[in-house]
């Protein structure tokens, strides 16, 4: 799927959706999930959101070049792999 410039894609509740990319605050939060500078690059998969706690039940980090698998929910089994992240950096 090719996402237009200035947009991003996500899979909430099992459907792929595109929306305009966020501003500076959004990018600051995004950098915590996809980190190009952490030990050669890493993806963090957050699952089990708990709005009442303001936290996620599970957080799993996977290095670039490996497949980060969504462990639960509507996107269970979806893989964020090297085709998205590229090869491990450094």
C-alpha atoms as a PDB file:
ATOM      1  CA  UNK A   1       0.000   0.000   0.000  1.00  0.00           C
ATOM      2  CA  UNK A   2       1.417   3.386  -0.976  1.00  0.00           C
ATOM      3  CA  UNK A   3       0.542   6.152   1.486  1.00  0.00           C
ATOM      4  CA  UNK A   4       0.347   9.696   0.066  1.00  0.00           C
ATOM      5  CA  UNK A   5       2.949  12.268   1.146  1.00  0.00           C
ATOM      6  CA  UNK A   6       1.914  13.934   4.421  1.00  0.00           C
ATOM      7  CA  UNK A   7      -0.278  11.005   5.526  1.00  0.00           C
ATOM      8  CA  UNK A   8       0.260   7.890   7.624  1.00  0.00           C
ATOM      9  CA  UNK A   9      -1.500   4.517   7.727  1.00  0.00           C
ATOM     10  CA  UNK A  10      -2.676   2.613  10.782  1.00  0.00           C
ATOM     11  CA  UNK A  11      -4.792  -0.448  11.559  1.00  0.00           C
ATOM     12  CA  UNK A  12      -7.326   0.421  14.263  1.00  0.00           C
ATOM     13  CA  UNK A  13      -9.962  -2.267  14.870  1.00  0.00           C
ATOM     14  CA  UNK A  14      -8.795  -4.388  11.931  1.00  0.00           C
ATOM     15  CA  UNK A  15      -9.207  -1.837   9.111  1.00  0.00           C
ATOM     16  CA  UNK A  16      -6.408   0.081   7.386  1.00  0.00           C
ATOM     17  CA  UNK A  17      -6.982   3.845   7.614  1.00  0.00           C
ATOM     18  CA  UNK A  18      -4.971   6.810   6.401  1.00  0.00           C
ATOM     19  CA  UNK A  19      -4.975  10.230   8.025  1.00  0.00           C
ATOM     20  CA  UNK A  20      -2.881  13.395   7.884  1.00  0.00           C
ATOM     21  CA  UNK A  21       0.465  13.143   9.670  1.00  0.00           C
ATOM     22  CA  UNK A  22       0.529  14.805  13.082  1.00  0.00           C
ATOM     23  CA  UNK A  23       2.499  17.810  14.236  1.00  0.00           C
ATOM     24  CA  UNK A  24       5.605  18.121  16.431  1.00  0.00           C
ATOM     25  CA  UNK A  25       4.018  16.620  19.578  1.00  0.00           C
ATOM     26  CA  UNK A  26       2.811  13.619  17.600  1.00  0.00           C
ATOM     27  CA  UNK A  27       6.290  13.074  16.167  1.00  0.00           C
ATOM     28  CA  UNK A  28       7.808  13.219  19.661  1.00  0.00           C
ATOM     29  CA  UNK A  29       5.504  10.403  20.769  1.00  0.00           C
ATOM     30  CA  UNK A  30       6.140   8.468  17.535  1.00  0.00           C
ATOM     31  CA  UNK A  31       9.899   8.594  18.130  1.00  0.00           C
ATOM     32  CA  UNK A  32       9.318   6.632  21.321  1.00  0.00           C
ATOM     33  CA  UNK A  33       7.669   3.816  19.301  1.00  0.00           C
ATOM     34  CA  UNK A  34       9.925   3.675  16.215  1.00  0.00           C
ATOM     35  CA  UNK A  35      13.473   4.574  17.235  1.00  0.00           C
ATOM     36  CA  UNK A  36      16.156   4.798  14.520  1.00  0.00           C
ATOM     37  CA  UNK A  37      18.877   5.483  17.081  1.00  0.00           C
ATOM     38  CA  UNK A  38      18.258   2.802  19.705  1.00  0.00           C
ATOM     39  CA  UNK A  39      20.761  -0.043  19.293  1.00  0.00           C
ATOM     40  CA  UNK A  40      20.546  -0.116  15.493  1.00  0.00           C
ATOM     41  CA  UNK A  41      16.850   0.773  15.367  1.00  0.00           C
ATOM     42  CA  UNK A  42      13.842  -0.721  17.113  1.00  0.00           C
ATOM     43  CA  UNK A  43      10.055  -0.923  16.877  1.00  0.00           C
ATOM     44  CA  UNK A  44       7.943  -0.931  20.035  1.00  0.00           C
ATOM     45  CA  UNK A  45       4.561  -2.682  19.819  1.00  0.00           C
ATOM     46  CA  UNK A  46       2.126  -1.474  22.491  1.00  0.00           C
ATOM     47  CA  UNK A  47      -0.978  -3.573  23.218  1.00  0.00           C
ATOM     48  CA  UNK A  48      -3.756  -3.673  25.783  1.00  0.00           C
ATOM     49  CA  UNK A  49      -4.474   0.051  26.113  1.00  0.00           C
ATOM     50  CA  UNK A  50      -5.857   1.032  29.492  1.00  0.00           C
ATOM     51  CA  UNK A  51      -7.298   4.555  29.185  1.00  0.00           C
ATOM     52  CA  UNK A  52      -8.228   4.613  32.871  1.00  0.00           C
ATOM     53  CA  UNK A  53      -4.568   3.914  33.771  1.00  0.00           C
ATOM     54  CA  UNK A  54      -3.092   5.968  30.945  1.00  0.00           C
ATOM     55  CA  UNK A  55      -0.800   3.057  30.069  1.00  0.00           C
ATOM     56  CA  UNK A  56      -0.537  -0.102  27.981  1.00  0.00           C
ATOM     57  CA  UNK A  57      -0.619  -3.613  29.440  1.00  0.00           C
ATOM     58  CA  UNK A  58       2.222  -4.868  27.229  1.00  0.00           C
ATOM     59  CA  UNK A  59       5.222  -3.349  25.443  1.00  0.00           C
ATOM     60  CA  UNK A  60       7.516  -5.427  23.203  1.00  0.00           C
ATOM     61  CA  UNK A  61      10.607  -4.029  21.412  1.00  0.00           C
ATOM     62  CA  UNK A  62      11.953  -5.665  18.244  1.00  0.00           C
ATOM     63  CA  UNK A  63      15.144  -4.707  16.397  1.00  0.00           C
ATOM     64  CA  UNK A  64      15.027  -3.445  12.825  1.00  0.00           C
ATOM     65  CA  UNK A  65      15.592  -6.261  10.360  1.00  0.00           C
ATOM     66  CA  UNK A  66      13.388  -8.613  12.404  1.00  0.00           C
ATOM     67  CA  UNK A  67       9.614  -9.020  12.364  1.00  0.00           C
ATOM     68  CA  UNK A  68       7.636  -7.274  15.110  1.00  0.00           C
ATOM     69  CA  UNK A  69       4.416  -9.299  15.374  1.00  0.00           C
ATOM     70  CA  UNK A  70       1.217  -7.782  16.768  1.00  0.00           C
ATOM     71  CA  UNK A  71       0.403 -10.286  19.565  1.00  0.00           C
ATOM     72  CA  UNK A  72      -3.297  -9.575  20.146  1.00  0.00           C
ATOM     73  CA  UNK A  73      -6.346  -7.598  19.073  1.00  0.00           C
ATOM     74  CA  UNK A  74      -7.861  -7.098  15.615  1.00  0.00           C
ATOM     75  CA  UNK A  75      -4.429  -6.859  13.937  1.00  0.00           C
ATOM     76  CA  UNK A  76      -3.131 -10.013  15.668  1.00  0.00           C
ATOM     77  CA  UNK A  77      -0.425 -11.641  13.558  1.00  0.00           C
ATOM     78  CA  UNK A  78       0.304  -8.518  11.473  1.00  0.00           C
ATOM     79  CA  UNK A  79       4.065  -8.199  11.034  1.00  0.00           C
ATOM     80  CA  UNK A  80       6.037  -4.938  10.950  1.00  0.00           C
ATOM     81  CA  UNK A  81       9.120  -6.242   9.202  1.00  0.00           C
ATOM     82  CA  UNK A  82      12.198  -5.151   7.308  1.00  0.00           C
ATOM     83  CA  UNK A  83      10.026  -4.037   4.385  1.00  0.00           C
ATOM     84  CA  UNK A  84       8.755  -1.264   6.718  1.00  0.00           C
ATOM     85  CA  UNK A  85      11.735  -0.586   9.006  1.00  0.00           C
ATOM     86  CA  UNK A  86      14.608  -1.498   6.710  1.00  0.00           C
ATOM     87  CA  UNK A  87      17.693  -3.332   7.839  1.00  0.00           C
ATOM     88  CA  UNK A  88      19.285  -2.980  11.258  1.00  0.00           C
ATOM     89  CA  UNK A  89      21.297   0.260  11.462  1.00  0.00           C
ATOM     90  CA  UNK A  90      24.982   0.393  12.318  1.00  0.00           C
END
